[in-house]
């Protein structure tokens, strides 16, 4: 499993519209077997910033299967207007350092 983080800074978009777009995009993520989980979080100190966390089965399944599959078009149609407001879009792999609460 790998985790993709996408960091947004909304410069010319309304938060309600942005979140509504991601609610539509979530339908495509839910339908994609390559997507294991996702979460969109809004900044508390800086409410114009958002972080999207998506867990993918693998990098190949995200960049290959999902992006060439039927759900990518739906996803991109919903969030495409916000691509220019992305500050970072990277994949990360978990390490052995994790919360003790997860081990319980």
N, C-alpha and C. Protein backbone atom coordinates (compact mmCIF):
# COMPACT_ATOMS: atom_id res chain seq x y z
N UNK A 1 0.84 -1.18 0.00
CA UNK A 1 0.00 0.00 0.00
C UNK A 1 0.89 1.25 0.00
N UNK A 2 0.45 2.26 -0.73
CA UNK A 2 1.12 3.55 -0.70
C UNK A 2 0.06 4.63 -0.42
N UNK A 3 0.53 5.75 0.10
CA UNK A 3 -0.38 6.85 0.40
C UNK A 3 0.01 8.06 -0.43
N UNK A 4 -0.96 8.63 -1.07
CA UNK A 4 -0.76 9.85 -1.85
C UNK A 4 -1.29 11.02 -1.03
N UNK A 5 -0.49 12.07 -0.95
CA UNK A 5 -0.92 13.31 -0.30
C UNK A 5 -0.97 14.40 -1.35
N UNK A 6 -2.10 15.08 -1.40
CA UNK A 6 -2.27 16.20 -2.32
C UNK A 6 -2.61 17.40 -1.46
N UNK A 7 -1.75 18.41 -1.52
CA UNK A 7 -1.93 19.62 -0.72
C UNK A 7 -2.41 20.76 -1.62
N UNK A 8 -3.51 21.35 -1.21
CA UNK A 8 -4.13 22.45 -1.96
C UNK A 8 -4.06 23.74 -1.15
N UNK A 9 -3.93 24.81 -1.86
CA UNK A 9 -4.14 26.14 -1.28
C UNK A 9 -5.14 26.84 -2.20
N UNK A 10 -6.33 27.04 -1.68
CA UNK A 10 -7.38 27.65 -2.48
C UNK A 10 -7.12 29.15 -2.60
N UNK A 11 -6.85 29.57 -3.81
CA UNK A 11 -6.60 30.99 -4.05
C UNK A 11 -7.76 31.68 -4.74
N UNK A 12 -8.51 30.92 -5.50
CA UNK A 12 -9.65 31.53 -6.21
C UNK A 12 -10.85 30.58 -6.26
N UNK A 13 -11.07 29.88 -5.17
CA UNK A 13 -12.19 28.95 -5.10
C UNK A 13 -12.85 29.06 -3.74
N UNK A 14 -14.13 28.83 -3.72
CA UNK A 14 -14.88 28.82 -2.48
C UNK A 14 -14.78 27.45 -1.82
N UNK A 15 -14.53 27.41 -0.52
CA UNK A 15 -14.41 26.11 0.16
C UNK A 15 -15.62 25.20 -0.04
N UNK A 16 -16.82 25.76 0.01
CA UNK A 16 -18.02 24.92 -0.16
C UNK A 16 -18.05 24.27 -1.55
N UNK A 17 -17.65 25.01 -2.57
CA UNK A 17 -17.63 24.46 -3.93
C UNK A 17 -16.54 23.40 -4.06
N UNK A 18 -15.39 23.67 -3.46
CA UNK A 18 -14.28 22.71 -3.49
C UNK A 18 -14.69 21.40 -2.82
N UNK A 19 -15.27 21.49 -1.64
CA UNK A 19 -15.70 20.29 -0.93
C UNK A 19 -16.81 19.56 -1.67
N UNK A 20 -17.70 20.28 -2.31
CA UNK A 20 -18.74 19.64 -3.11
C UNK A 20 -18.14 18.90 -4.30
N UNK A 21 -17.11 19.48 -4.91
CA UNK A 21 -16.43 18.81 -6.02
C UNK A 21 -15.78 17.51 -5.55
N UNK A 22 -15.19 17.55 -4.37
CA UNK A 22 -14.57 16.33 -3.85
C UNK A 22 -15.61 15.31 -3.39
N UNK A 23 -16.78 15.75 -3.02
CA UNK A 23 -17.85 14.79 -2.71
C UNK A 23 -18.22 14.02 -3.98
N UNK A 24 -18.25 14.70 -5.12
CA UNK A 24 -18.49 14.01 -6.39
C UNK A 24 -17.32 13.11 -6.77
N UNK A 25 -16.11 13.60 -6.59
CA UNK A 25 -14.92 12.81 -6.90
C UNK A 25 -14.86 11.56 -6.02
N UNK A 26 -15.36 11.66 -4.80
CA UNK A 26 -15.36 10.53 -3.88
C UNK A 26 -16.16 9.35 -4.44
N UNK A 27 -17.18 9.64 -5.20
CA UNK A 27 -17.96 8.56 -5.82
C UNK A 27 -17.08 7.74 -6.76
N UNK A 28 -16.22 8.42 -7.51
CA UNK A 28 -15.31 7.71 -8.41
C UNK A 28 -14.28 6.92 -7.61
N UNK A 29 -13.75 7.52 -6.54
CA UNK A 29 -12.78 6.80 -5.70
C UNK A 29 -13.41 5.58 -5.07
N UNK A 30 -14.64 5.70 -4.60
CA UNK A 30 -15.33 4.56 -3.99
C UNK A 30 -15.53 3.42 -4.99
N UNK A 31 -15.72 3.77 -6.25
CA UNK A 31 -15.95 2.75 -7.28
C UNK A 31 -14.67 2.14 -7.82
N UNK A 32 -13.54 2.75 -7.54
CA UNK A 32 -12.26 2.27 -8.06
C UNK A 32 -11.66 1.23 -7.12
N UNK A 33 -11.44 0.01 -7.59
CA UNK A 33 -10.88 -1.03 -6.71
C UNK A 33 -9.45 -0.73 -6.26
N UNK A 34 -8.75 0.13 -6.96
CA UNK A 34 -7.37 0.47 -6.60
C UNK A 34 -7.31 1.39 -5.38
N UNK A 35 -8.38 2.10 -5.09
CA UNK A 35 -8.43 3.04 -3.97
C UNK A 35 -8.92 2.30 -2.73
N UNK A 36 -8.10 2.32 -1.68
CA UNK A 36 -8.44 1.63 -0.44
C UNK A 36 -9.14 2.53 0.56
N UNK A 37 -8.78 3.81 0.59
CA UNK A 37 -9.36 4.76 1.54
C UNK A 37 -8.94 6.17 1.13
N UNK A 38 -9.67 7.15 1.64
CA UNK A 38 -9.31 8.55 1.36
C UNK A 38 -9.91 9.43 2.44
N UNK A 39 -9.34 10.63 2.55
CA UNK A 39 -9.84 11.61 3.50
C UNK A 39 -9.41 13.00 3.03
N UNK A 40 -10.32 13.94 3.07
CA UNK A 40 -10.03 15.33 2.76
C UNK A 40 -10.12 16.11 4.06
N UNK A 41 -9.02 16.80 4.43
CA UNK A 41 -8.97 17.57 5.67
C UNK A 41 -8.74 19.04 5.34
N UNK A 42 -9.37 19.91 6.13
CA UNK A 42 -9.24 21.35 5.94
C UNK A 42 -8.40 21.94 7.07
N UNK A 43 -7.54 22.88 6.73
CA UNK A 43 -6.69 23.52 7.73
C UNK A 43 -7.49 24.29 8.76
N UNK A 44 -7.09 24.20 9.99
CA UNK A 44 -7.73 24.94 11.07
C UNK A 44 -7.15 26.34 11.16
N UNK A 45 -5.82 26.42 11.24
CA UNK A 45 -5.17 27.73 11.32
C UNK A 45 -5.21 28.47 9.98
N UNK A 46 -5.20 27.71 8.89
CA UNK A 46 -5.24 28.28 7.55
C UNK A 46 -6.36 27.60 6.76
N UNK A 47 -7.58 28.08 6.88
CA UNK A 47 -8.73 27.39 6.28
C UNK A 47 -8.75 27.39 4.75
N UNK A 48 -7.81 28.09 4.13
CA UNK A 48 -7.72 28.03 2.67
C UNK A 48 -6.85 26.86 2.20
N UNK A 49 -6.35 26.06 3.14
CA UNK A 49 -5.50 24.92 2.81
C UNK A 49 -6.23 23.60 3.09
N UNK A 50 -6.02 22.67 2.19
CA UNK A 50 -6.61 21.33 2.30
C UNK A 50 -5.52 20.30 2.04
N UNK A 51 -5.69 19.13 2.67
CA UNK A 51 -4.84 17.99 2.39
C UNK A 51 -5.75 16.80 2.08
N UNK A 52 -5.52 16.22 0.91
CA UNK A 52 -6.22 15.01 0.52
C UNK A 52 -5.26 13.84 0.72
N UNK A 53 -5.72 12.83 1.44
CA UNK A 53 -4.94 11.61 1.66
C UNK A 53 -5.68 10.47 0.99
N UNK A 54 -4.99 9.80 0.06
CA UNK A 54 -5.59 8.64 -0.62
C UNK A 54 -4.67 7.45 -0.44
N UNK A 55 -5.22 6.34 0.02
CA UNK A 55 -4.47 5.10 0.13
C UNK A 55 -4.77 4.27 -1.12
N UNK A 56 -3.68 3.90 -1.81
CA UNK A 56 -3.78 3.10 -3.03
C UNK A 56 -3.18 1.73 -2.78
N UNK A 57 -3.69 0.74 -3.49
CA UNK A 57 -3.16 -0.62 -3.35
C UNK A 57 -1.67 -0.66 -3.69
N UNK A 58 -1.27 0.08 -4.70
CA UNK A 58 0.14 0.18 -5.08
C UNK A 58 0.30 1.39 -5.99
N UNK A 59 1.52 1.81 -6.18
CA UNK A 59 1.79 2.92 -7.09
C UNK A 59 1.39 2.56 -8.51
N UNK A 60 1.69 1.35 -8.93
CA UNK A 60 1.34 0.91 -10.28
C UNK A 60 -0.17 0.88 -10.48
N UNK A 61 -0.90 0.44 -9.46
CA UNK A 61 -2.35 0.40 -9.59
C UNK A 61 -2.95 1.80 -9.63
N UNK A 62 -2.33 2.75 -8.94
CA UNK A 62 -2.81 4.12 -9.00
C UNK A 62 -2.48 4.74 -10.35
N UNK A 63 -1.19 4.78 -10.68
CA UNK A 63 -0.76 5.49 -11.88
C UNK A 63 -1.10 4.75 -13.17
N UNK A 64 -1.20 3.46 -13.10
CA UNK A 64 -1.53 2.68 -14.29
C UNK A 64 -3.01 2.36 -14.39
N UNK A 65 -3.46 1.49 -13.50
CA UNK A 65 -4.83 0.97 -13.59
C UNK A 65 -5.88 2.04 -13.36
N UNK A 66 -5.76 2.83 -12.29
CA UNK A 66 -6.77 3.84 -12.01
C UNK A 66 -6.79 4.91 -13.09
N UNK A 67 -5.62 5.43 -13.44
CA UNK A 67 -5.57 6.53 -14.41
C UNK A 67 -5.98 6.10 -15.81
N UNK A 68 -5.92 4.81 -16.11
CA UNK A 68 -6.37 4.34 -17.42
C UNK A 68 -7.76 3.70 -17.34
N UNK A 69 -8.33 3.70 -16.15
CA UNK A 69 -9.62 3.05 -15.95
C UNK A 69 -10.80 4.01 -16.10
N UNK A 70 -11.99 3.46 -15.98
CA UNK A 70 -13.21 4.24 -16.22
C UNK A 70 -13.51 5.30 -15.16
N UNK A 71 -13.00 5.14 -13.96
CA UNK A 71 -13.33 6.08 -12.89
C UNK A 71 -12.49 7.35 -12.92
N UNK A 72 -11.33 7.30 -13.57
CA UNK A 72 -10.44 8.47 -13.58
C UNK A 72 -11.10 9.66 -14.26
N UNK A 73 -11.81 9.44 -15.34
CA UNK A 73 -12.50 10.53 -16.03
C UNK A 73 -13.51 11.23 -15.14
N UNK A 74 -14.26 10.45 -14.40
CA UNK A 74 -15.24 11.03 -13.46
C UNK A 74 -14.53 11.82 -12.37
N UNK A 75 -13.45 11.26 -11.85
CA UNK A 75 -12.68 11.93 -10.80
C UNK A 75 -12.14 13.26 -11.32
N UNK A 76 -11.50 13.22 -12.47
CA UNK A 76 -10.89 14.41 -13.03
C UNK A 76 -11.93 15.47 -13.41
N UNK A 77 -13.07 15.04 -13.89
CA UNK A 77 -14.12 16.00 -14.23
C UNK A 77 -14.57 16.78 -13.00
N UNK A 78 -14.60 16.12 -11.86
CA UNK A 78 -15.06 16.77 -10.63
C UNK A 78 -14.02 17.73 -10.06
N UNK A 79 -12.75 17.35 -10.06
CA UNK A 79 -11.73 18.16 -9.39
C UNK A 79 -10.79 18.89 -10.34
N UNK A 80 -10.95 18.68 -11.62
CA UNK A 80 -10.09 19.32 -12.61
C UNK A 80 -9.94 20.83 -12.46
N UNK A 81 -11.01 21.55 -12.13
CA UNK A 81 -10.88 23.00 -11.99
C UNK A 81 -9.92 23.43 -10.87
N UNK A 82 -9.55 22.52 -9.99
CA UNK A 82 -8.71 22.87 -8.84
C UNK A 82 -7.26 22.42 -9.00
N UNK A 83 -6.91 21.81 -10.11
CA UNK A 83 -5.56 21.30 -10.31
C UNK A 83 -4.51 22.40 -10.18
N UNK A 84 -4.82 23.58 -10.66
CA UNK A 84 -3.88 24.69 -10.58
C UNK A 84 -3.62 25.18 -9.17
N UNK A 85 -4.39 24.71 -8.21
CA UNK A 85 -4.22 25.14 -6.82
C UNK A 85 -3.51 24.08 -5.98
N UNK A 86 -2.96 23.07 -6.64
CA UNK A 86 -2.20 22.03 -5.95
C UNK A 86 -0.80 22.57 -5.65
N UNK A 87 -0.39 22.44 -4.39
CA UNK A 87 0.96 22.82 -3.99
C UNK A 87 1.91 21.63 -3.99
N UNK A 88 1.38 20.45 -3.71
CA UNK A 88 2.19 19.23 -3.69
C UNK A 88 1.30 18.04 -3.98
N UNK A 89 1.83 17.10 -4.74
CA UNK A 89 1.13 15.84 -5.01
C UNK A 89 2.22 14.76 -5.07
N UNK A 90 2.32 13.98 -3.98
CA UNK A 90 3.39 13.00 -3.85
C UNK A 90 2.87 11.71 -3.23
N UNK A 91 3.60 10.64 -3.49
CA UNK A 91 3.31 9.34 -2.91
C UNK A 91 4.30 9.05 -1.78
N UNK A 92 3.79 8.39 -0.75
CA UNK A 92 4.63 8.04 0.41
C UNK A 92 4.36 6.59 0.78
N UNK A 93 5.39 5.97 1.34
CA UNK A 93 5.27 4.60 1.84
C UNK A 93 5.42 4.63 3.35
N UNK A 94 4.60 3.88 4.05
CA UNK A 94 4.65 3.85 5.50
C UNK A 94 5.97 3.24 5.98
N UNK A 95 6.36 3.66 7.17
CA UNK A 95 7.54 3.10 7.83
C UNK A 95 7.09 2.28 9.03
N UNK A 96 8.04 1.74 9.75
CA UNK A 96 7.73 0.95 10.94
C UNK A 96 7.33 1.82 12.12
N UNK A 97 7.56 3.11 12.04
CA UNK A 97 7.20 4.02 13.12
C UNK A 97 5.71 4.32 13.02
N UNK A 98 4.97 3.89 14.03
CA UNK A 98 3.51 4.06 14.00
C UNK A 98 2.98 4.20 15.43
N UNK A 99 1.78 4.61 15.53
CA UNK A 99 1.13 4.81 16.82
C UNK A 99 0.98 3.50 17.57
N UNK A 100 1.24 3.54 18.87
CA UNK A 100 1.04 2.35 19.70
C UNK A 100 -0.42 1.95 19.72
N UNK A 101 -1.31 2.92 19.56
CA UNK A 101 -2.74 2.64 19.57
C UNK A 101 -3.13 1.72 18.42
N UNK A 102 -2.44 1.79 17.30
CA UNK A 102 -2.74 0.94 16.16
C UNK A 102 -2.39 -0.52 16.42
N UNK A 103 -1.45 -0.75 17.33
CA UNK A 103 -1.01 -2.12 17.63
C UNK A 103 -1.99 -2.83 18.56
N UNK A 104 -2.87 -2.10 19.18
CA UNK A 104 -3.80 -2.72 20.15
C UNK A 104 -4.92 -3.45 19.50
